[in-house]
Each structure stands twice: as structure tokens, then as C-alpha cells.
N, C-alpha and C. Protein backbone atom coordinates (compact mmCIF):
# COMPACT_ATOMS: atom_id res chain seq x y z
N MET A 1 1.97 -6.18 9.94
CA MET A 1 3.22 -5.65 9.42
C MET A 1 4.35 -6.09 10.34
N PRO A 2 5.40 -6.66 9.78
CA PRO A 2 6.54 -7.05 10.60
C PRO A 2 7.22 -5.82 11.22
N ASP A 3 7.79 -5.98 12.39
CA ASP A 3 8.44 -4.86 13.08
C ASP A 3 9.50 -4.18 12.22
N TYR A 4 10.27 -4.98 11.46
CA TYR A 4 11.36 -4.39 10.68
C TYR A 4 10.85 -3.50 9.54
N GLN A 5 9.55 -3.57 9.22
CA GLN A 5 9.01 -2.73 8.15
C GLN A 5 8.30 -1.48 8.67
N ARG A 6 8.04 -1.42 9.95
CA ARG A 6 7.24 -0.33 10.50
C ARG A 6 7.82 1.05 10.18
N ASP A 7 9.08 1.28 10.47
CA ASP A 7 9.69 2.58 10.21
C ASP A 7 9.77 2.87 8.72
N THR A 8 10.04 1.85 7.93
CA THR A 8 10.15 2.03 6.49
C THR A 8 8.82 2.46 5.89
N VAL A 9 7.75 1.80 6.28
CA VAL A 9 6.43 2.14 5.75
C VAL A 9 6.04 3.55 6.20
N LYS A 10 6.29 3.87 7.45
CA LYS A 10 5.97 5.22 7.96
C LYS A 10 6.73 6.28 7.17
N THR A 11 8.02 6.05 6.94
CA THR A 11 8.84 6.99 6.17
C THR A 11 8.32 7.12 4.75
N TYR A 12 8.01 6.00 4.14
CA TYR A 12 7.51 6.01 2.77
C TYR A 12 6.22 6.81 2.67
N LEU A 13 5.26 6.53 3.55
CA LEU A 13 3.97 7.20 3.47
C LEU A 13 4.07 8.68 3.84
N THR A 14 5.05 9.06 4.62
CA THR A 14 5.26 10.46 4.96
C THR A 14 5.92 11.21 3.81
N ASN A 15 6.95 10.63 3.22
CA ASN A 15 7.74 11.31 2.20
C ASN A 15 7.24 11.12 0.77
N TYR A 16 6.49 10.07 0.53
CA TYR A 16 6.04 9.75 -0.83
C TYR A 16 4.56 9.41 -0.82
N GLN A 17 3.75 10.33 -0.38
CA GLN A 17 2.31 10.10 -0.25
C GLN A 17 1.72 9.65 -1.58
N PRO A 18 1.11 8.47 -1.63
CA PRO A 18 0.50 8.00 -2.87
C PRO A 18 -0.60 8.95 -3.34
N SER A 19 -0.80 8.99 -4.65
CA SER A 19 -1.81 9.89 -5.22
C SER A 19 -3.21 9.30 -5.16
N PHE A 20 -3.35 8.10 -4.62
CA PHE A 20 -4.65 7.47 -4.49
C PHE A 20 -4.92 7.18 -3.03
N GLY A 21 -6.18 6.98 -2.69
CA GLY A 21 -6.59 6.89 -1.30
C GLY A 21 -6.29 5.57 -0.63
N ALA A 22 -6.27 5.65 0.69
CA ALA A 22 -6.07 4.47 1.53
C ALA A 22 -7.41 4.04 2.09
N HIS A 23 -7.49 2.78 2.52
CA HIS A 23 -8.68 2.31 3.20
C HIS A 23 -8.87 3.13 4.46
N PRO A 24 -10.12 3.38 4.86
CA PRO A 24 -10.36 4.18 6.06
C PRO A 24 -10.05 3.45 7.36
N THR A 25 -9.78 2.15 7.31
CA THR A 25 -9.48 1.41 8.53
C THR A 25 -8.11 0.76 8.42
N LYS A 26 -7.64 0.24 9.53
CA LYS A 26 -6.36 -0.46 9.56
C LYS A 26 -6.49 -1.90 9.08
N HIS A 27 -7.70 -2.37 8.95
CA HIS A 27 -7.91 -3.77 8.61
C HIS A 27 -7.93 -3.97 7.11
N LYS A 28 -7.42 -5.09 6.67
CA LYS A 28 -7.42 -5.42 5.25
C LYS A 28 -8.87 -5.59 4.78
N ARG A 29 -9.20 -4.92 3.71
CA ARG A 29 -10.55 -5.01 3.16
C ARG A 29 -10.43 -5.25 1.66
N SER A 30 -11.54 -5.58 1.05
CA SER A 30 -11.51 -5.79 -0.39
C SER A 30 -11.22 -4.48 -1.10
N LEU A 31 -10.47 -4.56 -2.19
CA LEU A 31 -10.08 -3.38 -2.94
C LEU A 31 -11.13 -3.04 -3.98
N GLY A 32 -11.09 -1.81 -4.46
CA GLY A 32 -11.89 -1.41 -5.58
C GLY A 32 -13.33 -1.04 -5.26
N ASN A 33 -13.67 -0.85 -4.01
CA ASN A 33 -15.04 -0.48 -3.66
C ASN A 33 -15.13 0.99 -3.25
N ASN A 34 -14.34 1.83 -3.90
CA ASN A 34 -14.31 3.26 -3.62
C ASN A 34 -13.95 3.55 -2.17
N ASP A 35 -13.23 2.65 -1.55
CA ASP A 35 -12.82 2.88 -0.17
C ASP A 35 -11.31 2.82 -0.03
N GLY A 36 -10.60 3.10 -1.10
CA GLY A 36 -9.15 3.14 -1.05
C GLY A 36 -8.51 1.97 -1.77
N GLU A 37 -7.25 2.15 -2.08
CA GLU A 37 -6.49 1.16 -2.85
C GLU A 37 -5.50 0.36 -2.01
N TYR A 38 -5.21 0.80 -0.80
CA TYR A 38 -4.26 0.09 0.05
C TYR A 38 -4.57 0.40 1.50
N SER A 39 -3.94 -0.34 2.40
CA SER A 39 -4.17 -0.16 3.82
C SER A 39 -2.99 0.57 4.46
N ARG A 40 -3.22 1.76 5.00
CA ARG A 40 -2.14 2.49 5.70
C ARG A 40 -1.70 1.73 6.95
N GLY A 41 -2.56 0.92 7.51
CA GLY A 41 -2.21 0.16 8.69
C GLY A 41 -1.48 -1.13 8.34
N GLY A 42 -1.42 -1.45 7.07
CA GLY A 42 -0.71 -2.64 6.62
C GLY A 42 0.67 -2.27 6.12
N ARG A 43 1.16 -3.03 5.16
CA ARG A 43 2.51 -2.82 4.67
C ARG A 43 2.57 -1.79 3.55
N ALA A 44 1.44 -1.29 3.08
CA ALA A 44 1.33 -0.21 2.11
C ALA A 44 1.68 -0.66 0.69
N TYR A 45 2.82 -1.25 0.49
CA TYR A 45 3.25 -1.69 -0.83
C TYR A 45 3.99 -3.02 -0.71
N PRO A 46 4.10 -3.76 -1.82
CA PRO A 46 4.84 -5.02 -1.76
C PRO A 46 6.32 -4.77 -1.46
N ASP A 47 6.97 -5.78 -0.94
CA ASP A 47 8.40 -5.69 -0.69
C ASP A 47 9.15 -5.55 -2.01
N LEU A 48 8.75 -6.33 -2.97
CA LEU A 48 9.29 -6.28 -4.34
C LEU A 48 8.11 -6.40 -5.27
N SER A 49 8.25 -5.86 -6.45
CA SER A 49 7.16 -6.01 -7.41
C SER A 49 7.71 -6.02 -8.82
N ALA A 50 6.91 -6.51 -9.71
CA ALA A 50 7.23 -6.50 -11.14
C ALA A 50 5.92 -6.26 -11.88
N ILE A 51 6.03 -5.72 -13.05
CA ILE A 51 4.82 -5.50 -13.85
C ILE A 51 4.24 -6.86 -14.21
N GLY A 52 3.00 -7.05 -13.90
CA GLY A 52 2.34 -8.33 -14.15
C GLY A 52 1.26 -8.21 -15.21
N GLN A 53 1.56 -7.56 -16.31
CA GLN A 53 0.57 -7.36 -17.36
C GLN A 53 1.12 -7.91 -18.67
N ASP A 54 0.37 -8.79 -19.30
CA ASP A 54 0.74 -9.35 -20.60
C ASP A 54 2.12 -10.02 -20.58
N VAL A 55 2.37 -10.84 -19.59
CA VAL A 55 3.63 -11.57 -19.49
C VAL A 55 3.46 -12.92 -20.20
N ARG A 56 4.28 -13.14 -21.21
CA ARG A 56 4.20 -14.39 -21.97
C ARG A 56 4.74 -15.54 -21.13
N THR A 57 4.00 -16.61 -21.06
CA THR A 57 4.40 -17.79 -20.30
C THR A 57 4.41 -19.01 -21.21
N TYR A 58 5.19 -19.99 -20.82
CA TYR A 58 5.26 -21.26 -21.53
C TYR A 58 5.18 -22.38 -20.50
N ALA A 59 4.27 -23.31 -20.71
CA ALA A 59 4.13 -24.45 -19.81
C ALA A 59 3.82 -25.68 -20.66
N GLY A 60 4.67 -26.67 -20.56
CA GLY A 60 4.46 -27.89 -21.32
C GLY A 60 4.43 -27.66 -22.82
N GLY A 61 5.16 -26.67 -23.28
CA GLY A 61 5.19 -26.35 -24.70
C GLY A 61 4.07 -25.45 -25.16
N ASP A 62 3.14 -25.13 -24.29
CA ASP A 62 2.02 -24.26 -24.66
C ASP A 62 2.31 -22.82 -24.27
N LYS A 63 2.00 -21.90 -25.18
CA LYS A 63 2.17 -20.47 -24.91
C LYS A 63 0.88 -19.91 -24.33
N ASP A 64 1.05 -18.94 -23.43
CA ASP A 64 -0.09 -18.27 -22.83
C ASP A 64 0.36 -16.87 -22.41
N VAL A 65 -0.58 -16.08 -21.96
CA VAL A 65 -0.27 -14.76 -21.42
C VAL A 65 -0.86 -14.70 -20.02
N ALA A 66 -0.06 -14.25 -19.06
CA ALA A 66 -0.51 -14.17 -17.67
C ALA A 66 -0.57 -12.71 -17.22
N HIS A 67 -1.35 -12.47 -16.18
CA HIS A 67 -1.50 -11.13 -15.62
C HIS A 67 -1.50 -11.22 -14.10
N GLY A 68 -1.16 -10.12 -13.46
CA GLY A 68 -1.24 -10.03 -12.01
C GLY A 68 -0.14 -10.80 -11.30
N THR A 69 -0.45 -11.24 -10.09
CA THR A 69 0.52 -11.94 -9.27
C THR A 69 1.02 -13.21 -9.94
N SER A 70 0.16 -13.86 -10.69
CA SER A 70 0.55 -15.08 -11.39
C SER A 70 1.66 -14.82 -12.39
N ALA A 71 1.78 -13.59 -12.85
CA ALA A 71 2.85 -13.22 -13.78
C ALA A 71 4.04 -12.60 -13.07
N SER A 72 3.78 -11.73 -12.11
CA SER A 72 4.87 -10.97 -11.50
C SER A 72 5.66 -11.75 -10.44
N ALA A 73 5.00 -12.60 -9.68
CA ALA A 73 5.72 -13.35 -8.64
C ALA A 73 6.82 -14.24 -9.23
N PRO A 74 6.57 -14.97 -10.32
CA PRO A 74 7.66 -15.77 -10.91
C PRO A 74 8.81 -14.91 -11.45
N VAL A 75 8.52 -13.69 -11.89
CA VAL A 75 9.59 -12.80 -12.37
C VAL A 75 10.52 -12.46 -11.21
N ILE A 76 9.96 -12.08 -10.07
CA ILE A 76 10.77 -11.77 -8.89
C ILE A 76 11.53 -13.02 -8.44
N ALA A 77 10.88 -14.16 -8.44
CA ALA A 77 11.55 -15.41 -8.05
C ALA A 77 12.73 -15.70 -8.97
N ALA A 78 12.56 -15.46 -10.25
CA ALA A 78 13.65 -15.70 -11.20
C ALA A 78 14.82 -14.76 -10.96
N ILE A 79 14.53 -13.50 -10.65
CA ILE A 79 15.60 -12.54 -10.36
C ILE A 79 16.39 -12.99 -9.14
N LEU A 80 15.67 -13.39 -8.08
CA LEU A 80 16.37 -13.84 -6.86
C LEU A 80 17.13 -15.13 -7.10
N THR A 81 16.58 -16.01 -7.92
CA THR A 81 17.29 -17.25 -8.25
C THR A 81 18.60 -16.93 -8.97
N ARG A 82 18.55 -15.99 -9.90
CA ARG A 82 19.77 -15.60 -10.63
C ARG A 82 20.80 -15.00 -9.68
N ILE A 83 20.36 -14.16 -8.78
CA ILE A 83 21.27 -13.58 -7.78
C ILE A 83 21.90 -14.70 -6.95
N ASN A 84 21.10 -15.65 -6.49
CA ASN A 84 21.62 -16.77 -5.70
C ASN A 84 22.60 -17.61 -6.51
N GLU A 85 22.31 -17.87 -7.77
CA GLU A 85 23.23 -18.64 -8.62
C GLU A 85 24.59 -17.95 -8.72
N GLU A 86 24.57 -16.65 -8.92
CA GLU A 86 25.83 -15.90 -9.03
C GLU A 86 26.59 -15.90 -7.71
N ARG A 87 25.88 -15.78 -6.60
CA ARG A 87 26.54 -15.81 -5.30
C ARG A 87 27.17 -17.18 -5.04
N LEU A 88 26.42 -18.24 -5.32
CA LEU A 88 26.93 -19.60 -5.12
C LEU A 88 28.14 -19.87 -6.01
N ALA A 89 28.13 -19.38 -7.23
CA ALA A 89 29.25 -19.56 -8.14
C ALA A 89 30.52 -18.88 -7.63
N ARG A 90 30.35 -17.91 -6.77
CA ARG A 90 31.49 -17.18 -6.19
C ARG A 90 31.81 -17.65 -4.78
N GLY A 91 31.20 -18.78 -4.38
CA GLY A 91 31.48 -19.33 -3.07
C GLY A 91 30.76 -18.63 -1.93
N LYS A 92 29.78 -17.83 -2.23
CA LYS A 92 29.03 -17.12 -1.20
C LYS A 92 27.74 -17.88 -0.90
N SER A 93 27.09 -17.53 0.20
CA SER A 93 25.81 -18.15 0.54
C SER A 93 24.69 -17.48 -0.26
N THR A 94 23.53 -18.11 -0.26
CA THR A 94 22.37 -17.49 -0.89
C THR A 94 21.92 -16.29 -0.06
N VAL A 95 21.08 -15.46 -0.62
CA VAL A 95 20.66 -14.25 0.09
C VAL A 95 19.71 -14.55 1.24
N GLY A 96 19.02 -15.68 1.20
CA GLY A 96 18.10 -16.03 2.29
C GLY A 96 16.89 -15.10 2.32
N PHE A 97 16.35 -14.89 3.50
CA PHE A 97 15.17 -14.04 3.67
C PHE A 97 15.60 -12.60 3.44
N ILE A 98 15.17 -12.00 2.33
CA ILE A 98 15.70 -10.70 1.93
C ILE A 98 14.93 -9.49 2.44
N ASN A 99 13.73 -9.68 2.93
CA ASN A 99 12.87 -8.55 3.26
C ASN A 99 13.53 -7.50 4.17
N PRO A 100 14.19 -7.87 5.27
CA PRO A 100 14.80 -6.84 6.10
C PRO A 100 15.93 -6.09 5.38
N THR A 101 16.52 -6.70 4.38
CA THR A 101 17.64 -6.10 3.67
C THR A 101 17.21 -5.08 2.64
N ILE A 102 16.04 -5.22 2.05
CA ILE A 102 15.64 -4.37 0.92
C ILE A 102 14.80 -3.17 1.34
N ARG A 103 14.80 -2.82 2.58
CA ARG A 103 13.99 -1.70 3.04
C ARG A 103 14.60 -0.36 2.59
N ILE A 104 13.74 0.67 2.55
CA ILE A 104 14.19 2.02 2.22
C ILE A 104 15.03 2.52 3.38
N ARG A 105 16.13 3.12 3.07
CA ARG A 105 17.00 3.64 4.14
C ARG A 105 17.04 5.14 4.13
């Protein structure tokens, strides 16, 4: 976990305790083996997320449906690209590395 996320994750887990269990160790382990859904010693949740279920995709003229990270990561990338386009159009710089900026305050 990066230093800039340590306080944010601690605050989140203290104030918004997830309704599902954490792994019993600090180390990243495989999910879904009745040993928790996330690592309390890790970052706990993604920095940004999008629903990655039944997302329609188009590649080379072919339609498909994607799920999971393959669907949600491009959605977040598109949102950030749009933000950068609007900033550039106004003579501002791109947002750059956003993770320290989007933390819970």
C-alpha cells in the first residue's frame, strides 16, 4: 500500500466496515476460498471502480459482452480521458497521476 493511502484505508475500514470478511493475513491470497474477500493489510478497495458486468464492447466491427476488469478498466480510462480532453481544451494540464488526489478526506 502506498504511504499516501495508509490513512485513507484505515479511516475507511474504521468508519465503513465492509459487511464481508477480510483475509486473515496481511498477504494477498486467492479470493473466494472462504477466507475473506479482501486484504485489510492491502489497499482494501480499488482507487476507482466501475461496474464490470455485461458491458457491451465493439472491436473491429464485432460486438461482444465483457465482464470484470476487462470491462471496467476501459470505462475508468475513458472517463479520465474525457476529463483530460476538457482540461486541455481550456489550456490546463492533464490530471496526471490521480491516486493521491482522489482519496477520502
